[in-house]
Amino acid sequence: GNIFSSNVMGWYRQAPGKQRELVATITADGSTNYAN
């Protein structure tokens, strides 16, 4: 679709009975962030 060159992509997860939480993200230039 309409994908911009500058974006952040990531993964989140949701276990039964729990809130959705961050797993990891990565920017367009490769900077990453992880859940502990």
PDB file of all heavy atoms in Angstrom:
ATOM      1  N   GLY A   1       0.827  -1.195   0.000  1.00  0.00           N
ATOM      2  CA  GLY A   1       0.000   0.000   0.000  1.00  0.00           C
ATOM      3  C   GLY A   1       0.859   1.241   0.000  1.00  0.00           C
ATOM      4  O   GLY A   1       1.936   1.274  -0.585  1.00  0.00           O
ATOM      5  N   ASN A   2       0.394   2.270   0.684  1.00  0.00           N
ATOM      6  CA  ASN A   2       1.071   3.562   0.714  1.00  0.00           C
ATOM      7  C   ASN A   2       2.137   3.555   1.818  1.00  0.00           C
ATOM      8  O   ASN A   2       1.913   4.013   2.932  1.00  0.00           O
ATOM      9  CB  ASN A   2       0.044   4.667   0.950  1.00  0.00           C
ATOM     10  CG  ASN A   2       0.632   6.049   0.764  1.00  0.00           C
ATOM     11  OD1 ASN A   2       1.673   6.202   0.120  1.00  0.00           O
ATOM     12  ND2 ASN A   2      -0.002   7.053   1.314  1.00  0.00           N
ATOM     13  N   ILE A   3       3.314   3.028   1.470  1.00  0.00           N
ATOM     14  CA  ILE A   3       4.410   2.891   2.431  1.00  0.00           C
ATOM     15  C   ILE A   3       5.362   4.074   2.298  1.00  0.00           C
ATOM     16  O   ILE A   3       5.895   4.323   1.223  1.00  0.00           O
ATOM     17  CB  ILE A   3       5.193   1.580   2.220  1.00  0.00           C
ATOM     18  CG1 ILE A   3       4.252   0.378   2.190  1.00  0.00           C
ATOM     19  CG2 ILE A   3       6.269   1.436   3.294  1.00  0.00           C
ATOM     20  CD1 ILE A   3       3.515   0.146   3.471  1.00  0.00           C
ATOM     21  N   PHE A   4       5.583   4.770   3.390  1.00  0.00           N
ATOM     22  CA  PHE A   4       6.545   5.863   3.404  1.00  0.00           C
ATOM     23  C   PHE A   4       7.945   5.308   3.616  1.00  0.00           C
ATOM     24  O   PHE A   4       8.125   4.257   4.231  1.00  0.00           O
ATOM     25  CB  PHE A   4       6.210   6.855   4.517  1.00  0.00           C
ATOM     26  CG  PHE A   4       4.880   7.546   4.367  1.00  0.00           C
ATOM     27  CD1 PHE A   4       4.335   8.259   5.412  1.00  0.00           C
ATOM     28  CD2 PHE A   4       4.157   7.476   3.185  1.00  0.00           C
ATOM     29  CE1 PHE A   4       3.115   8.895   5.299  1.00  0.00           C
ATOM     30  CE2 PHE A   4       2.926   8.098   3.053  1.00  0.00           C
ATOM     31  CZ  PHE A   4       2.404   8.813   4.118  1.00  0.00           C
ATOM     32  N   SER A   5       8.950   6.038   3.142  1.00  0.00           N
ATOM     33  CA  SER A   5      10.323   5.573   3.307  1.00  0.00           C
ATOM     34  C   SER A   5      10.770   5.643   4.764  1.00  0.00           C
ATOM     35  O   SER A   5      11.633   4.879   5.184  1.00  0.00           O
ATOM     36  CB  SER A   5      11.271   6.384   2.426  1.00  0.00           C
ATOM     37  OG  SER A   5      11.199   7.758   2.781  1.00  0.00           O
ATOM     38  N   SER A   6      10.200   6.546   5.522  1.00  0.00           N
ATOM     39  CA  SER A   6      10.563   6.678   6.928  1.00  0.00           C
ATOM     40  C   SER A   6       9.430   6.123   7.781  1.00  0.00           C
ATOM     41  O   SER A   6       8.356   6.722   7.854  1.00  0.00           O
ATOM     42  CB  SER A   6      10.820   8.133   7.290  1.00  0.00           C
ATOM     43  OG  SER A   6      11.082   8.262   8.672  1.00  0.00           O
ATOM     44  N   ASN A   7       9.641   4.990   8.366  1.00  0.00           N
ATOM     45  CA  ASN A   7       8.618   4.396   9.226  1.00  0.00           C
ATOM     46  C   ASN A   7       9.287   3.507  10.272  1.00  0.00           C
ATOM     47  O   ASN A   7      10.485   3.237  10.195  1.00  0.00           O
ATOM     48  CB  ASN A   7       7.610   3.575   8.412  1.00  0.00           C
ATOM     49  CG  ASN A   7       8.247   2.457   7.622  1.00  0.00           C
ATOM     50  OD1 ASN A   7       8.924   1.595   8.186  1.00  0.00           O
ATOM     51  ND2 ASN A   7       8.027   2.443   6.321  1.00  0.00           N
ATOM     52  N   VAL A   8       8.518   3.095  11.213  1.00  0.00           N
ATOM     53  CA  VAL A   8       8.983   2.147  12.217  1.00  0.00           C
ATOM     54  C   VAL A   8       8.119   0.894  12.110  1.00  0.00           C
ATOM     55  O   VAL A   8       6.888   0.982  12.111  1.00  0.00           O
ATOM     56  CB  VAL A   8       8.878   2.715  13.648  1.00  0.00           C
ATOM     57  CG1 VAL A   8       9.353   1.687  14.678  1.00  0.00           C
ATOM     58  CG2 VAL A   8       9.683   4.005  13.768  1.00  0.00           C
ATOM     59  N   MET A   9       8.751  -0.232  11.983  1.00  0.00           N
ATOM     60  CA  MET A   9       8.028  -1.502  11.936  1.00  0.00           C
ATOM     61  C   MET A   9       8.336  -2.279  13.202  1.00  0.00           C
ATOM     62  O   MET A   9       9.414  -2.125  13.795  1.00  0.00           O
ATOM     63  CB  MET A   9       8.410  -2.314  10.706  1.00  0.00           C
ATOM     64  CG  MET A   9       8.114  -1.604   9.397  1.00  0.00           C
ATOM     65  SD  MET A   9       8.384  -2.622   7.946  1.00  0.00           S
ATOM     66  CE  MET A   9       6.892  -3.643   7.964  1.00  0.00           C
ATOM     67  N   GLY A  10       7.416  -3.099  13.604  1.00  0.00           N
ATOM     68  CA  GLY A  10       7.649  -3.811  14.850  1.00  0.00           C
ATOM     69  C   GLY A  10       6.732  -4.985  15.061  1.00  0.00           C
ATOM     70  O   GLY A  10       5.828  -5.250  14.242  1.00  0.00           O
ATOM     71  N   TRP A  11       7.004  -5.688  16.129  1.00  0.00           N
ATOM     72  CA  TRP A  11       6.205  -6.841  16.546  1.00  0.00           C
ATOM     73  C   TRP A  11       5.723  -6.628  17.971  1.00  0.00           C
ATOM     74  O   TRP A  11       6.483  -6.175  18.843  1.00  0.00           O
ATOM     75  CB  TRP A  11       7.032  -8.122  16.477  1.00  0.00           C
ATOM     76  CG  TRP A  11       7.384  -8.540  15.090  1.00  0.00           C
ATOM     77  CD1 TRP A  11       8.524  -8.257  14.404  1.00  0.00           C
ATOM     78  CD2 TRP A  11       6.566  -9.314  14.206  1.00  0.00           C
ATOM     79  NE1 TRP A  11       8.474  -8.797  13.150  1.00  0.00           N
ATOM     80  CE2 TRP A  11       7.275  -9.467  13.005  1.00  0.00           C
ATOM     81  CE3 TRP A  11       5.303  -9.911  14.315  1.00  0.00           C
ATOM     82  CZ2 TRP A  11       6.776 -10.168  11.910  1.00  0.00           C
ATOM     83  CZ3 TRP A  11       4.806 -10.621  13.240  1.00  0.00           C
ATOM     84  CH2 TRP A  11       5.536 -10.739  12.056  1.00  0.00           C
ATOM     85  N   TYR A  12       4.476  -6.946  18.190  1.00  0.00           N
ATOM     86  CA  TYR A  12       3.856  -6.920  19.508  1.00  0.00           C
ATOM     87  C   TYR A  12       3.212  -8.282  19.731  1.00  0.00           C
ATOM     88  O   TYR A  12       2.987  -9.029  18.776  1.00  0.00           O
ATOM     89  CB  TYR A  12       2.801  -5.819  19.576  1.00  0.00           C
ATOM     90  CG  TYR A  12       3.380  -4.417  19.491  1.00  0.00           C
ATOM     91  CD1 TYR A  12       3.873  -3.929  18.289  1.00  0.00           C
ATOM     92  CD2 TYR A  12       3.444  -3.595  20.604  1.00  0.00           C
ATOM     93  CE1 TYR A  12       4.420  -2.657  18.197  1.00  0.00           C
ATOM     94  CE2 TYR A  12       3.978  -2.314  20.526  1.00  0.00           C
ATOM     95  CZ  TYR A  12       4.462  -1.860  19.317  1.00  0.00           C
ATOM     96  OH  TYR A  12       5.005  -0.606  19.239  1.00  0.00           O
ATOM     97  N   ARG A  13       2.903  -8.585  20.970  1.00  0.00           N
ATOM     98  CA  ARG A  13       2.244  -9.851  21.249  1.00  0.00           C
ATOM     99  C   ARG A  13       1.202  -9.699  22.341  1.00  0.00           C
ATOM    100  O   ARG A  13       1.307  -8.804  23.179  1.00  0.00           O
ATOM    101  CB  ARG A  13       3.256 -10.934  21.632  1.00  0.00           C
ATOM    102  CG  ARG A  13       3.974 -10.698  22.958  1.00  0.00           C
ATOM    103  CD  ARG A  13       5.061 -11.742  23.162  1.00  0.00           C
ATOM    104  NE  ARG A  13       5.756 -11.569  24.440  1.00  0.00           N
ATOM    105  CZ  ARG A  13       6.835 -12.270  24.794  1.00  0.00           C
ATOM    106  NH1 ARG A  13       7.348 -13.187  23.980  1.00  0.00           N
ATOM    107  NH2 ARG A  13       7.400 -12.050  25.979  1.00  0.00           N
ATOM    108  N   GLN A  14       0.227 -10.591  22.301  1.00  0.00           N
ATOM    109  CA  GLN A  14      -0.829 -10.573  23.302  1.00  0.00           C
ATOM    110  C   GLN A  14      -1.140 -11.999  23.719  1.00  0.00           C
ATOM    111  O   GLN A  14      -1.580 -12.809  22.897  1.00  0.00           O
ATOM    112  CB  GLN A  14      -2.082  -9.895  22.771  1.00  0.00           C
ATOM    113  CG  GLN A  14      -3.156  -9.686  23.826  1.00  0.00           C
ATOM    114  CD  GLN A  14      -4.243  -8.724  23.360  1.00  0.00           C
ATOM    115  OE1 GLN A  14      -4.392  -8.451  22.178  1.00  0.00           O
ATOM    116  NE2 GLN A  14      -5.007  -8.201  24.307  1.00  0.00           N
ATOM    117  N   ALA A  15      -0.881 -12.284  24.979  1.00  0.00           N
ATOM    118  CA  ALA A  15      -1.191 -13.590  25.547  1.00  0.00           C
ATOM    119  C   ALA A  15      -2.619 -13.560  26.106  1.00  0.00           C
ATOM    120  O   ALA A  15      -3.138 -12.481  26.413  1.00  0.00           O
ATOM    121  CB  ALA A  15      -0.197 -13.943  26.638  1.00  0.00           C
ATOM    122  N   PRO A  16      -3.234 -14.720  26.243  1.00  0.00           N
ATOM    123  CA  PRO A  16      -4.608 -14.759  26.782  1.00  0.00           C
ATOM    124  C   PRO A  16      -4.711 -14.065  28.133  1.00  0.00           C
ATOM    125  O   PRO A  16      -3.912 -14.321  29.037  1.00  0.00           O
ATOM    126  CB  PRO A  16      -4.892 -16.251  26.898  1.00  0.00           C
ATOM    127  CG  PRO A  16      -4.014 -16.884  25.882  1.00  0.00           C
ATOM    128  CD  PRO A  16      -2.760 -16.056  25.862  1.00  0.00           C
ATOM    129  N   GLY A  17      -5.676 -13.167  28.262  1.00  0.00           N
ATOM    130  CA  GLY A  17      -5.903 -12.475  29.519  1.00  0.00           C
ATOM    131  C   GLY A  17      -4.926 -11.362  29.823  1.00  0.00           C
ATOM    132  O   GLY A  17      -4.980 -10.772  30.913  1.00  0.00           O
ATOM    133  N   LYS A  18      -4.045 -11.058  28.877  1.00  0.00           N
ATOM    134  CA  LYS A  18      -3.050 -10.011  29.107  1.00  0.00           C
ATOM    135  C   LYS A  18      -3.157  -8.923  28.057  1.00  0.00           C
ATOM    136  O   LYS A  18      -3.751  -9.124  26.990  1.00  0.00           O
ATOM    137  CB  LYS A  18      -1.640 -10.604  29.102  1.00  0.00           C
ATOM    138  CG  LYS A  18      -1.374 -11.571  30.236  1.00  0.00           C
ATOM    139  CD  LYS A  18       0.084 -11.980  30.273  1.00  0.00           C
ATOM    140  CE  LYS A  18       0.391 -12.885  31.446  1.00  0.00           C
ATOM    141  NZ  LYS A  18       1.827 -13.264  31.502  1.00  0.00           N
ATOM    142  N   GLN A  19      -2.563  -7.776  28.345  1.00  0.00           N
ATOM    143  CA  GLN A  19      -2.558  -6.679  27.392  1.00  0.00           C
ATOM    144  C   GLN A  19      -1.515  -6.924  26.310  1.00  0.00           C
ATOM    145  O   GLN A  19      -0.534  -7.647  26.516  1.00  0.00           O
ATOM    146  CB  GLN A  19      -2.260  -5.365  28.122  1.00  0.00           C
ATOM    147  CG  GLN A  19      -3.382  -4.885  29.026  1.00  0.00           C
ATOM    148  CD  GLN A  19      -3.146  -3.479  29.536  1.00  0.00           C
ATOM    149  OE1 GLN A  19      -2.018  -3.021  29.642  1.00  0.00           O
ATOM    150  NE2 GLN A  19      -4.223  -2.781  29.859  1.00  0.00           N
ATOM    151  N   ARG A  20      -1.740  -6.294  25.168  1.00  0.00           N
ATOM    152  CA  ARG A  20      -0.755  -6.366  24.109  1.00  0.00           C
ATOM    153  C   ARG A  20       0.512  -5.652  24.564  1.00  0.00           C
ATOM    154  O   ARG A  20       0.463  -4.577  25.167  1.00  0.00           O
ATOM    155  CB  ARG A  20      -1.301  -5.721  22.844  1.00  0.00           C
ATOM    156  CG  ARG A  20      -0.468  -5.938  21.598  1.00  0.00           C
ATOM    157  CD  ARG A  20      -1.184  -5.440  20.355  1.00  0.00           C
ATOM    158  NE  ARG A  20      -2.445  -6.126  20.126  1.00  0.00           N
ATOM    159  CZ  ARG A  20      -3.166  -5.968  19.018  1.00  0.00           C
ATOM    160  NH1 ARG A  20      -2.745  -5.150  18.058  1.00  0.00           N
ATOM    161  NH2 ARG A  20      -4.319  -6.605  18.887  1.00  0.00           N
ATOM    162  N   GLU A  21       1.683  -6.268  24.260  1.00  0.00           N
ATOM    163  CA  GLU A  21       2.949  -5.703  24.703  1.00  0.00           C
ATOM    164  C   GLU A  21       3.957  -5.648  23.559  1.00  0.00           C
ATOM    165  O   GLU A  21       3.904  -6.449  22.616  1.00  0.00           O
ATOM    166  CB  GLU A  21       3.536  -6.532  25.850  1.00  0.00           C
ATOM    167  CG  GLU A  21       3.877  -7.960  25.490  1.00  0.00           C
ATOM    168  CD  GLU A  21       4.536  -8.725  26.646  1.00  0.00           C
ATOM    169  OE1 GLU A  21       4.607  -8.182  27.766  1.00  0.00           O
ATOM    170  OE2 GLU A  21       4.973  -9.863  26.415  1.00  0.00           O
ATOM    171  N   LEU A  22       4.879  -4.726  23.691  1.00  0.00           N
ATOM    172  CA  LEU A  22       5.951  -4.588  22.709  1.00  0.00           C
ATOM    173  C   LEU A  22       6.883  -5.787  22.779  1.00  0.00           C
ATOM    174  O   LEU A  22       7.250  -6.238  23.862  1.00  0.00           O
ATOM    175  CB  LEU A  22       6.752  -3.320  23.002  1.00  0.00           C
ATOM    176  CG  LEU A  22       8.073  -3.171  22.276  1.00  0.00           C
ATOM    177  CD1 LEU A  22       7.835  -2.806  20.820  1.00  0.00           C
ATOM    178  CD2 LEU A  22       8.945  -2.123  22.946  1.00  0.00           C
ATOM    179  N   VAL A  23       7.276  -6.282  21.603  1.00  0.00           N
ATOM    180  CA  VAL A  23       8.331  -7.296  21.521  1.00  0.00           C
ATOM    181  C   VAL A  23       9.605  -6.636  20.992  1.00  0.00           C
ATOM    182  O   VAL A  23      10.648  -6.690  21.633  1.00  0.00           O
ATOM    183  CB  VAL A  23       7.919  -8.463  20.617  1.00  0.00           C
ATOM    184  CG1 VAL A  23       9.069  -9.459  20.476  1.00  0.00           C
ATOM    185  CG2 VAL A  23       6.667  -9.153  21.154  1.00  0.00           C
ATOM    186  N   ALA A  24       9.507  -6.019  19.824  1.00  0.00           N
ATOM    187  CA  ALA A  24      10.671  -5.373  19.225  1.00  0.00           C
ATOM    188  C   ALA A  24      10.220  -4.428  18.120  1.00  0.00           C
ATOM    189  O   ALA A  24       9.186  -4.652  17.493  1.00  0.00           O
ATOM    190  CB  ALA A  24      11.635  -6.409  18.651  1.00  0.00           C
ATOM    191  N   THR A  25      11.012  -3.375  17.919  1.00  0.00           N
ATOM    192  CA  THR A  25      10.765  -2.449  16.816  1.00  0.00           C
ATOM    193  C   THR A  25      12.071  -2.172  16.082  1.00  0.00           C
ATOM    194  O   THR A  25      13.164  -2.363  16.636  1.00  0.00           O
ATOM    195  CB  THR A  25      10.181  -1.118  17.295  1.00  0.00           C
ATOM    196  OG1 THR A  25      11.101  -0.492  18.196  1.00  0.00           O
ATOM    197  CG2 THR A  25       8.842  -1.304  17.984  1.00  0.00           C
ATOM    198  N   ILE A  26      11.943  -1.722  14.836  1.00  0.00           N
ATOM    199  CA  ILE A  26      13.104  -1.389  14.034  1.00  0.00           C
ATOM    200  C   ILE A  26      12.742  -0.210  13.143  1.00  0.00           C
ATOM    201  O   ILE A  26      11.678  -0.201  12.502  1.00  0.00           O
ATOM    202  CB  ILE A  26      13.587  -2.602  13.221  1.00  0.00           C
ATOM    203  CG1 ILE A  26      14.874  -2.271  12.459  1.00  0.00           C
ATOM    204  CG2 ILE A  26      12.498  -3.147  12.296  1.00  0.00           C
ATOM    205  CD1 ILE A  26      15.561  -3.506  11.875  1.00  0.00           C
ATOM    206  N   THR A  27      13.623   0.792  13.103  1.00  0.00           N
ATOM    207  CA  THR A  27      13.389   1.946  12.247  1.00  0.00           C
ATOM    208  C   THR A  27      13.869   1.652  10.820  1.00  0.00           C
ATOM    209  O   THR A  27      14.502   0.625  10.556  1.00  0.00           O
ATOM    210  CB  THR A  27      14.147   3.164  12.780  1.00  0.00           C
ATOM    211  OG1 THR A  27      15.554   2.905  12.713  1.00  0.00           O
ATOM    212  CG2 THR A  27      13.773   3.470  14.226  1.00  0.00           C
ATOM    213  N   ALA A  28      13.575   2.564   9.925  1.00  0.00           N
ATOM    214  CA  ALA A  28      13.957   2.376   8.531  1.00  0.00           C
ATOM    215  C   ALA A  28      15.474   2.311   8.355  1.00  0.00           C
ATOM    216  O   ALA A  28      15.973   1.642   7.441  1.00  0.00           O
ATOM    217  CB  ALA A  28      13.379   3.495   7.675  1.00  0.00           C
ATOM    218  N   ASP A  29      16.219   2.963   9.238  1.00  0.00           N
ATOM    219  CA  ASP A  29      17.682   2.931   9.133  1.00  0.00           C
ATOM    220  C   ASP A  29      18.300   1.848  10.004  1.00  0.00           C
ATOM    221  O   ASP A  29      19.516   1.788  10.148  1.00  0.00           O
ATOM    222  CB  ASP A  29      18.292   4.288   9.474  1.00  0.00           C
ATOM    223  CG  ASP A  29      18.023   4.716  10.902  1.00  0.00           C
ATOM    224  OD1 ASP A  29      17.373   3.959  11.647  1.00  0.00           O
ATOM    225  OD2 ASP A  29      18.447   5.824  11.281  1.00  0.00           O
ATOM    226  N   GLY A  30      17.457   0.988  10.598  1.00  0.00           N
ATOM    227  CA  GLY A  30      17.972  -0.197  11.276  1.00  0.00           C
ATOM    228  C   GLY A  30      18.149  -0.115  12.782  1.00  0.00           C
ATOM    229  O   GLY A  30      18.640  -1.077  13.393  1.00  0.00           O
ATOM    230  N   SER A  31      17.751   0.973  13.396  1.00  0.00           N
ATOM    231  CA  SER A  31      17.846   1.045  14.851  1.00  0.00           C
ATOM    232  C   SER A  31      16.772   0.161  15.490  1.00  0.00           C
ATOM    233  O   SER A  31      15.617   0.195  15.077  1.00  0.00           O
ATOM    234  CB  SER A  31      17.660   2.487  15.318  1.00  0.00           C
ATOM    235  OG  SER A  31      18.707   3.298  14.841  1.00  0.00           O
ATOM    236  N   THR A  32      17.179  -0.607  16.485  1.00  0.00           N
ATOM    237  CA  THR A  32      16.276  -1.591  17.078  1.00  0.00           C
ATOM    238  C   THR A  32      16.010  -1.307  18.553  1.00  0.00           C
ATOM    239  O   THR A  32      16.813  -0.656  19.243  1.00  0.00           O
ATOM    240  CB  THR A  32      16.842  -3.005  16.942  1.00  0.00           C
ATOM    241  OG1 THR A  32      18.128  -3.057  17.592  1.00  0.00           O
ATOM    242  CG2 THR A  32      16.993  -3.409  15.490  1.00  0.00           C
ATOM    243  N   ASN A  33      14.889  -1.839  19.010  1.00  0.00           N
ATOM    244  CA  ASN A  33      14.498  -1.737  20.408  1.00  0.00           C
ATOM    245  C   ASN A  33      13.803  -3.043  20.777  1.00  0.00           C
ATOM    246  O   ASN A  33      12.983  -3.542  20.007  1.00  0.00           O
ATOM    247  CB  ASN A  33      13.552  -0.564  20.619  1.00  0.00           C
ATOM    248  CG  ASN A  33      13.109  -0.431  22.055  1.00  0.00           C
ATOM    249  OD1 ASN A  33      13.923  -0.425  22.968  1.00  0.00           O
ATOM    250  ND2 ASN A  33      11.809  -0.322  22.286  1.00  0.00           N
ATOM    251  N   TYR A  34      14.153  -3.602  21.938  1.00  0.00           N
ATOM    252  CA  TYR A  34      13.608  -4.896  22.358  1.00  0.00           C
ATOM    253  C   TYR A  34      13.019  -4.818  23.762  1.00  0.00           C
ATOM    254  O   TYR A  34      13.511  -4.081  24.616  1.00  0.00           O
ATOM    255  CB  TYR A  34      14.693  -5.973  22.371  1.00  0.00           C
ATOM    256  CG  TYR A  34      15.258  -6.340  21.032  1.00  0.00           C
ATOM    257  CD1 TYR A  34      16.398  -5.717  20.541  1.00  0.00           C
ATOM    258  CD2 TYR A  34      14.675  -7.339  20.264  1.00  0.00           C
ATOM    259  CE1 TYR A  34      16.928  -6.053  19.308  1.00  0.00           C
ATOM    260  CE2 TYR A  34      15.199  -7.699  19.035  1.00  0.00           C
ATOM    261  CZ  TYR A  34      16.327  -7.053  18.563  1.00  0.00           C
ATOM    262  OH  TYR A  34      16.851  -7.401  17.335  1.00  0.00           O
ATOM    263  N   ALA A  35      12.021  -5.632  23.999  1.00  0.00           N
ATOM    264  CA  ALA A  35      11.582  -5.861  25.359  1.00  0.00           C
ATOM    265  C   ALA A  35      12.676  -6.616  26.102  1.00  0.00           C
ATOM    266  O   ALA A  35      13.375  -7.457  25.516  1.00  0.00           O
ATOM    267  CB  ALA A  35      10.288  -6.680  25.371  1.00  0.00           C
ATOM    268  N   ASN A  36      12.830  -6.331  27.384  1.00  0.00           N
ATOM    269  CA  ASN A  36      13.888  -6.987  28.161  1.00  0.00           C
ATOM    270  C   ASN A  36      13.742  -8.508  28.150  1.00  0.00           C
ATOM    271  O   ASN A  36      14.749  -9.231  28.159  1.00  0.00           O
ATOM    272  CB  ASN A  36      13.862  -6.480  29.597  1.00  0.00           C
ATOM    273  CG  ASN A  36      14.387  -5.065  29.732  1.00  0.00           C
ATOM    274  OD1 ASN A  36      15.185  -4.618  28.915  1.00  0.00           O
ATOM    275  ND2 ASN A  36      13.926  -4.352  30.741  1.00  0.00           N
TER     276      ASN A  36
END
